[in-house]
Each structure stands twice: as C-alpha cells, then as structure tokens.
C-alpha cells in the first residue's frame, strides 16, 4: 500500500497496542509493507517468461527459490523437504544466474532485441536457458 497510508495504519495499530507488546509489534510491522520475495522475483522474470518455460514451470521455479531461501535463511524445518539441495541446488543456482543476467541487461537499458541478440550470441547463456 501507499507508504503514507501504511505509516498511518502502523501508527493507529501501535497506539492501541499494550506497552508490554510494543517492541514485538514494532518488529513485526517493520517490514510489513514490503513486497515478498516471490512477487519480487516474479516481477524480475516477467519480461523474460518466454525463455523460462511454461507458467507452471515458472511457478515451480519461483516456489523452489523462495522455499530454499527461506529454509537456508530461517532454518525452518517444515521447509526442509521443499528446499533444493545437492545437484538440485546447483541447477537452481544456474537458473537464478540466467534470471539475474537477463535482468541485469534490462537494468542496463538493453531493449528486447538486444537482449535476444545477447542470448543468441552467448553460448553459455543460451545453454543455461535451454536447460530450463
């Protein structure tokens, strides 16, 4: 939501919070208006979705990235079975590298045709995309 609207909401909630819970609530609300990792990654890959498999494949990829990151960051046992490990983690890293390379080109100002040219003329990048 709009940052001023969020700040107003936080202020209203904080005013009615019992003093003994104020510190806890403050910590909970600190990042409450941030876009979650899955949505941020989806925005990054959206311009390149034609290179990153079907919608279902992209959804699985994003879920795997988020679950692996959350497991490795927070060591949440309930995510252990969903997190990538070993060879699967290496393959996930390769896919993430492709995503960030494509995004980096976009951030640098390359247009779609120029990005396509880079992909076609970069054997390592094309090889990684072909594995997705």
C-alpha atoms as a PDB file:
ATOM      1  CA  UNK A   1       0.000   0.000   0.000  1.00  0.00           C
ATOM      2  CA  UNK A   2       0.996   3.620  -0.268  1.00  0.00           C
ATOM      3  CA  UNK A   3       3.727   4.345   2.300  1.00  0.00           C
ATOM      4  CA  UNK A   4       1.864   7.216   3.972  1.00  0.00           C
ATOM      5  CA  UNK A   5      -1.239   5.039   4.265  1.00  0.00           C
ATOM      6  CA  UNK A   6       0.860   2.223   5.743  1.00  0.00           C
ATOM      7  CA  UNK A   7       2.558   4.609   8.206  1.00  0.00           C
ATOM      8  CA  UNK A   8      -0.846   5.855   9.314  1.00  0.00           C
ATOM      9  CA  UNK A   9      -2.076   2.296   9.806  1.00  0.00           C
ATOM     10  CA  UNK A  10       1.032   1.369  11.804  1.00  0.00           C
ATOM     11  CA  UNK A  11       0.542   4.449  13.982  1.00  0.00           C
ATOM     12  CA  UNK A  12      -3.087   3.547  14.656  1.00  0.00           C
ATOM     13  CA  UNK A  13      -2.219  -0.063  15.491  1.00  0.00           C
ATOM     14  CA  UNK A  14       0.761   0.937  17.654  1.00  0.00           C
ATOM     15  CA  UNK A  15      -1.291   3.412  19.693  1.00  0.00           C
ATOM     16  CA  UNK A  16      -3.715   0.689  20.748  1.00  0.00           C
ATOM     17  CA  UNK A  17      -1.021  -1.907  21.486  1.00  0.00           C
ATOM     18  CA  UNK A  18      -0.337  -2.739  25.145  1.00  0.00           C
ATOM     19  CA  UNK A  19       3.073  -1.445  26.261  1.00  0.00           C
ATOM     20  CA  UNK A  20       4.404  -4.927  27.029  1.00  0.00           C
ATOM     21  CA  UNK A  21       3.895  -5.960  23.391  1.00  0.00           C
ATOM     22  CA  UNK A  22       5.005  -2.712  21.708  1.00  0.00           C
ATOM     23  CA  UNK A  23       8.551  -3.856  20.946  1.00  0.00           C
ATOM     24  CA  UNK A  24       7.340  -7.153  19.483  1.00  0.00           C
ATOM     25  CA  UNK A  25       4.716  -5.384  17.361  1.00  0.00           C
ATOM     26  CA  UNK A  26       7.243  -2.857  16.126  1.00  0.00           C
ATOM     27  CA  UNK A  27       9.488  -5.683  14.902  1.00  0.00           C
ATOM     28  CA  UNK A  28       6.550  -7.353  13.162  1.00  0.00           C
ATOM     29  CA  UNK A  29       5.450  -4.189  11.402  1.00  0.00           C
ATOM     30  CA  UNK A  30       8.934  -3.012  10.410  1.00  0.00           C
ATOM     31  CA  UNK A  31       8.837  -4.817   7.055  1.00  0.00           C
ATOM     32  CA  UNK A  32       5.076  -5.227   6.821  1.00  0.00           C
ATOM     33  CA  UNK A  33       4.713  -3.151   3.672  1.00  0.00           C
ATOM     34  CA  UNK A  34       7.440  -4.830   1.646  1.00  0.00           C
ATOM     35  CA  UNK A  35       6.741  -6.999  -1.368  1.00  0.00           C
ATOM     36  CA  UNK A  36       7.513 -10.636  -0.618  1.00  0.00           C
ATOM     37  CA  UNK A  37      10.372 -12.444  -2.358  1.00  0.00           C
ATOM     38  CA  UNK A  38       8.111 -14.482  -4.631  1.00  0.00           C
ATOM     39  CA  UNK A  39       6.399 -11.388  -6.008  1.00  0.00           C
ATOM     40  CA  UNK A  40       9.703  -9.549  -6.436  1.00  0.00           C
ATOM     41  CA  UNK A  41      11.156 -12.473  -8.384  1.00  0.00           C
ATOM     42  CA  UNK A  42       8.011 -12.760 -10.486  1.00  0.00           C
ATOM     43  CA  UNK A  43       8.381  -9.094 -11.481  1.00  0.00           C
ATOM     44  CA  UNK A  44      12.015  -9.724 -12.427  1.00  0.00           C
ATOM     45  CA  UNK A  45      11.285 -12.730 -14.627  1.00  0.00           C
ATOM     46  CA  UNK A  46       8.098 -11.405 -16.226  1.00  0.00           C
ATOM     47  CA  UNK A  47       9.879  -9.718 -19.175  1.00  0.00           C
ATOM     48  CA  UNK A  48      11.690 -12.986 -19.938  1.00  0.00           C
ATOM     49  CA  UNK A  49       8.925 -15.501 -19.364  1.00  0.00           C
ATOM     50  CA  UNK A  50       9.135 -16.720 -22.958  1.00  0.00           C
ATOM     51  CA  UNK A  51      12.647 -18.004 -22.163  1.00  0.00           C
ATOM     52  CA  UNK A  52      11.823 -19.536 -18.787  1.00  0.00           C
ATOM     53  CA  UNK A  53       9.356 -22.305 -19.526  1.00  0.00           C
ATOM     54  CA  UNK A  54       5.608 -22.548 -19.095  1.00  0.00           C
ATOM     55  CA  UNK A  55       3.655 -20.655 -16.464  1.00  0.00           C
ATOM     56  CA  UNK A  56       3.544 -23.841 -14.379  1.00  0.00           C
ATOM     57  CA  UNK A  57       7.331 -24.312 -14.715  1.00  0.00           C
ATOM     58  CA  UNK A  58       7.972 -20.702 -13.704  1.00  0.00           C
ATOM     59  CA  UNK A  59       5.666 -21.079 -10.711  1.00  0.00           C
ATOM     60  CA  UNK A  60       7.526 -24.185  -9.554  1.00  0.00           C
ATOM     61  CA  UNK A  61      10.864 -22.445 -10.065  1.00  0.00           C
ATOM     62  CA  UNK A  62       9.816 -19.418  -8.020  1.00  0.00           C
ATOM     63  CA  UNK A  63       8.400 -21.613  -5.261  1.00  0.00           C
ATOM     64  CA  UNK A  64      11.647 -23.632  -5.131  1.00  0.00           C
ATOM     65  CA  UNK A  65      13.755 -20.462  -4.937  1.00  0.00           C
ATOM     66  CA  UNK A  66      11.591 -18.990  -2.166  1.00  0.00           C
ATOM     67  CA  UNK A  67      11.392 -22.224  -0.158  1.00  0.00           C
ATOM     68  CA  UNK A  68      15.139 -22.820  -0.455  1.00  0.00           C
ATOM     69  CA  UNK A  69      15.970 -19.262   0.542  1.00  0.00           C
ATOM     70  CA  UNK A  70      13.567 -19.396   3.490  1.00  0.00           C
ATOM     71  CA  UNK A  71      14.905 -22.745   4.642  1.00  0.00           C
ATOM     72  CA  UNK A  72      18.547 -21.676   4.393  1.00  0.00           C
ATOM     73  CA  UNK A  73      17.873 -18.280   5.957  1.00  0.00           C
ATOM     74  CA  UNK A  74      15.475 -19.233   8.733  1.00  0.00           C
ATOM     75  CA  UNK A  75      16.214 -22.971   9.078  1.00  0.00           C
ATOM     76  CA  UNK A  76      12.526 -23.688   9.172  1.00  0.00           C
ATOM     77  CA  UNK A  77      12.249 -27.490   9.458  1.00  0.00           C
ATOM     78  CA  UNK A  78       8.871 -27.536   7.713  1.00  0.00           C
ATOM     79  CA  UNK A  79      10.598 -26.256   4.532  1.00  0.00           C
ATOM     80  CA  UNK A  80      13.440 -28.763   4.574  1.00  0.00           C
ATOM     81  CA  UNK A  81      11.718 -31.197   2.203  1.00  0.00           C
ATOM     82  CA  UNK A  82      10.821 -28.365  -0.207  1.00  0.00           C
ATOM     83  CA  UNK A  83      14.290 -26.807  -0.286  1.00  0.00           C
ATOM     84  CA  UNK A  84      16.778 -27.639  -3.009  1.00  0.00           C
ATOM     85  CA  UNK A  85      19.969 -29.421  -2.041  1.00  0.00           C
ATOM     86  CA  UNK A  86      22.923 -31.058  -3.758  1.00  0.00           C
ATOM     87  CA  UNK A  87      22.649 -31.223  -7.538  1.00  0.00           C
ATOM     88  CA  UNK A  88      19.172 -29.700  -7.455  1.00  0.00           C
ATOM     89  CA  UNK A  89      20.595 -26.668  -5.617  1.00  0.00           C
ATOM     90  CA  UNK A  90      23.319 -26.321  -8.262  1.00  0.00           C
ATOM     91  CA  UNK A  91      20.711 -26.442 -11.043  1.00  0.00           C
ATOM     92  CA  UNK A  92      18.602 -23.872  -9.198  1.00  0.00           C
ATOM     93  CA  UNK A  93      21.652 -21.630  -8.916  1.00  0.00           C
ATOM     94  CA  UNK A  94      22.219 -21.926 -12.685  1.00  0.00           C
ATOM     95  CA  UNK A  95      18.618 -20.913 -13.377  1.00  0.00           C
ATOM     96  CA  UNK A  96      18.865 -17.981 -10.981  1.00  0.00           C
ATOM     97  CA  UNK A  97      22.068 -16.874 -12.684  1.00  0.00           C
ATOM     98  CA  UNK A  98      20.217 -16.761 -16.030  1.00  0.00           C
ATOM     99  CA  UNK A  99      17.399 -14.737 -14.488  1.00  0.00           C
ATOM    100  CA  UNK A 100      19.779 -12.207 -12.974  1.00  0.00           C
ATOM    101  CA  UNK A 101      21.868 -11.932 -16.143  1.00  0.00           C
ATOM    102  CA  UNK A 102      18.759 -11.196 -18.196  1.00  0.00           C
ATOM    103  CA  UNK A 103      17.522  -8.735 -15.575  1.00  0.00           C
ATOM    104  CA  UNK A 104      20.911  -7.036 -15.457  1.00  0.00           C
ATOM    105  CA  UNK A 105      20.788  -6.486 -19.214  1.00  0.00           C
ATOM    106  CA  UNK A 106      17.320  -4.942 -18.827  1.00  0.00           C
ATOM    107  CA  UNK A 107      18.522  -2.677 -15.998  1.00  0.00           C
ATOM    108  CA  UNK A 108      21.455  -1.559 -18.157  1.00  0.00           C
ATOM    109  CA  UNK A 109      18.953  -0.398 -20.742  1.00  0.00           C
ATOM    110  CA  UNK A 110      19.156  -3.170 -23.332  1.00  0.00           C
ATOM    111  CA  UNK A 111      15.941  -3.443 -25.322  1.00  0.00           C
ATOM    112  CA  UNK A 112      14.265  -6.772 -26.096  1.00  0.00           C
ATOM    113  CA  UNK A 113      16.010  -7.178 -29.457  1.00  0.00           C
ATOM    114  CA  UNK A 114      19.424  -6.501 -27.930  1.00  0.00           C
ATOM    115  CA  UNK A 115      18.766  -8.967 -25.119  1.00  0.00           C
ATOM    116  CA  UNK A 116      17.698 -11.574 -27.677  1.00  0.00           C
ATOM    117  CA  UNK A 117      20.928 -10.937 -29.588  1.00  0.00           C
ATOM    118  CA  UNK A 118      22.998 -11.401 -26.425  1.00  0.00           C
ATOM    119  CA  UNK A 119      21.192 -14.669 -25.691  1.00  0.00           C
ATOM    120  CA  UNK A 120      21.683 -15.950 -29.231  1.00  0.00           C
ATOM    121  CA  UNK A 121      25.372 -14.993 -29.314  1.00  0.00           C
ATOM    122  CA  UNK A 122      26.326 -16.148 -25.821  1.00  0.00           C
ATOM    123  CA  UNK A 123      26.754 -19.889 -25.896  1.00  0.00           C
ATOM    124  CA  UNK A 124      26.973 -20.283 -22.084  1.00  0.00           C
ATOM    125  CA  UNK A 125      23.826 -18.210 -21.515  1.00  0.00           C
ATOM    126  CA  UNK A 126      21.908 -19.932 -24.310  1.00  0.00           C
ATOM    127  CA  UNK A 127      22.979 -23.325 -22.966  1.00  0.00           C
ATOM    128  CA  UNK A 128      21.660 -22.479 -19.483  1.00  0.00           C
ATOM    129  CA  UNK A 129      18.366 -21.174 -20.888  1.00  0.00           C
ATOM    130  CA  UNK A 130      17.946 -24.368 -22.923  1.00  0.00           C
ATOM    131  CA  UNK A 131      18.172 -26.386 -19.680  1.00  0.00           C
ATOM    132  CA  UNK A 132      15.256 -24.513 -18.100  1.00  0.00           C
END
